[in-house]
């Protein structure tokens, strides 16, 4: 009975959760980079002079990425993906991990692959 219930549940996964059929994290190579403005981070600093608010300005970037296969070659099944937004400063040619959250076609750069 439990096995039948499990089989029935497993059959529903492709219908109800189609994004689980594809990898949630993929490797990609950065092929292009463009600055996309700035973002601000507000901090409260306390030292011997007292407490004050500081504002740090950081750059934001848009990257073009190419999905890689298991051999770190360009995967022909995927086109180049432009305009992937990130606050991380990365270099062209770096291999990165990219997450596809909840199966949405909005890639998120997780970080550099070592």
Protein backbone atom coordinates (compact mmCIF):
# COMPACT_ATOMS: atom_id res chain seq x y z
CA UNK A 1 0.00 0.00 0.00
CA UNK A 2 2.79 2.45 0.86
CA UNK A 3 4.61 1.50 -2.36
CA UNK A 4 1.50 2.23 -4.42
CA UNK A 5 1.11 5.59 -2.71
CA UNK A 6 4.76 6.44 -3.41
CA UNK A 7 4.42 5.46 -7.09
CA UNK A 8 1.33 7.64 -7.40
CA UNK A 9 3.18 10.58 -5.82
CA UNK A 10 6.20 10.13 -8.09
CA UNK A 11 3.97 10.14 -11.17
CA UNK A 12 2.58 13.54 -10.12
CA UNK A 13 6.00 15.22 -9.86
CA UNK A 14 6.47 15.93 -13.62
CA UNK A 15 2.98 17.45 -13.79
CA UNK A 16 3.02 19.51 -10.61
CA UNK A 17 6.75 20.30 -10.39
CA UNK A 18 8.15 20.27 -13.95
CA UNK A 19 11.20 22.30 -12.92
CA UNK A 20 12.47 19.29 -10.92
CA UNK A 21 13.17 17.48 -14.20
CA UNK A 22 16.02 19.89 -15.00
CA UNK A 23 19.08 20.74 -12.91
CA UNK A 24 18.56 23.54 -10.43
CA UNK A 25 22.22 24.58 -10.64
CA UNK A 26 24.31 24.69 -13.81
CA UNK A 27 27.85 25.71 -14.70
CA UNK A 28 28.42 28.58 -17.09
CA UNK A 29 31.25 30.72 -18.42
CA UNK A 30 31.10 34.50 -18.40
CA UNK A 31 31.44 35.78 -21.96
CA UNK A 32 30.51 39.44 -21.47
CA UNK A 33 30.23 42.05 -18.73
CA UNK A 34 28.68 45.50 -18.56
CA UNK A 35 28.32 47.89 -15.64
CA UNK A 36 24.67 48.46 -14.76
CA UNK A 37 24.71 51.26 -12.24
CA UNK A 38 25.25 51.30 -8.50
CA UNK A 39 23.54 50.17 -5.32
CA UNK A 40 23.97 51.55 -1.82
CA UNK A 41 24.56 49.78 1.47
CA UNK A 42 23.89 51.72 4.66
CA UNK A 43 25.92 50.82 7.74
CA UNK A 44 25.98 52.09 11.29
CA UNK A 45 29.55 52.40 12.54
CA UNK A 46 30.49 52.78 16.21
CA UNK A 47 34.03 53.60 17.30
CA UNK A 48 35.85 55.93 19.71
CA UNK A 49 34.38 58.93 17.88
CA UNK A 50 30.81 57.75 18.43
CA UNK A 51 28.13 56.26 16.24
CA UNK A 52 27.50 57.42 12.70
CA UNK A 53 25.85 56.19 9.53
CA UNK A 54 27.97 55.37 6.50
CA UNK A 55 26.85 54.73 2.95
CA UNK A 56 28.91 52.38 0.79
CA UNK A 57 28.37 52.48 -2.96
CA UNK A 58 28.83 49.29 -4.96
CA UNK A 59 28.63 48.58 -8.66
CA UNK A 60 26.03 46.34 -10.25
CA UNK A 61 26.74 44.30 -13.39
CA UNK A 62 25.00 42.58 -16.28
CA UNK A 63 26.71 39.45 -17.55
CA UNK A 64 26.34 37.35 -20.67
CA UNK A 65 26.87 33.67 -19.86
CA UNK A 66 27.29 30.43 -21.82
CA UNK A 67 26.03 27.22 -20.20
CA UNK A 68 28.69 24.49 -20.00
CA UNK A 69 28.47 20.70 -20.22
CA UNK A 70 30.22 18.23 -17.90
CA UNK A 71 33.49 18.68 -19.82
CA UNK A 72 33.37 22.50 -19.37
CA UNK A 73 32.67 23.03 -23.08
CA UNK A 74 29.84 25.22 -24.38
CA UNK A 75 26.58 23.25 -24.27
CA UNK A 76 24.96 23.57 -27.70
CA UNK A 77 21.53 22.81 -26.18
CA UNK A 78 21.52 26.26 -24.53
CA UNK A 79 21.83 29.68 -26.19
CA UNK A 80 23.96 32.46 -24.73
CA UNK A 81 22.07 34.04 -21.85
CA UNK A 82 22.33 37.85 -21.77
CA UNK A 83 21.58 40.40 -19.05
CA UNK A 84 22.13 38.21 -16.00
CA UNK A 85 22.17 40.75 -13.18
CA UNK A 86 24.57 40.45 -10.23
CA UNK A 87 26.21 42.56 -7.56
CA UNK A 88 29.31 40.36 -7.75
CA UNK A 89 32.28 41.64 -9.74
CA UNK A 90 33.37 38.77 -11.96
CA UNK A 91 35.75 38.49 -14.90
CA UNK A 92 35.16 37.35 -18.47
CA UNK A 93 36.20 33.71 -18.80
CA UNK A 94 35.43 32.72 -15.21
CA UNK A 95 33.38 29.58 -14.68
CA UNK A 96 30.44 30.18 -12.36
CA UNK A 97 27.58 28.30 -10.72
CA UNK A 98 24.16 29.55 -11.80
CA UNK A 99 20.93 28.74 -9.98
CA UNK A 100 17.52 28.50 -11.60
CA UNK A 101 15.25 29.16 -8.63
CA UNK A 102 11.91 27.32 -8.69
CA UNK A 103 12.41 26.51 -12.35
CA UNK A 104 12.01 30.12 -13.43
CA UNK A 105 14.03 31.30 -16.43
CA UNK A 106 15.74 33.97 -14.31
CA UNK A 107 19.31 32.79 -13.67
CA UNK A 108 20.99 33.82 -10.44
CA UNK A 109 24.80 33.82 -10.17
CA UNK A 110 25.76 31.88 -7.06
CA UNK A 111 29.53 32.30 -7.30
CA UNK A 112 32.76 31.20 -8.95
CA UNK A 113 33.49 27.50 -9.40
CA UNK A 114 36.93 26.60 -8.08
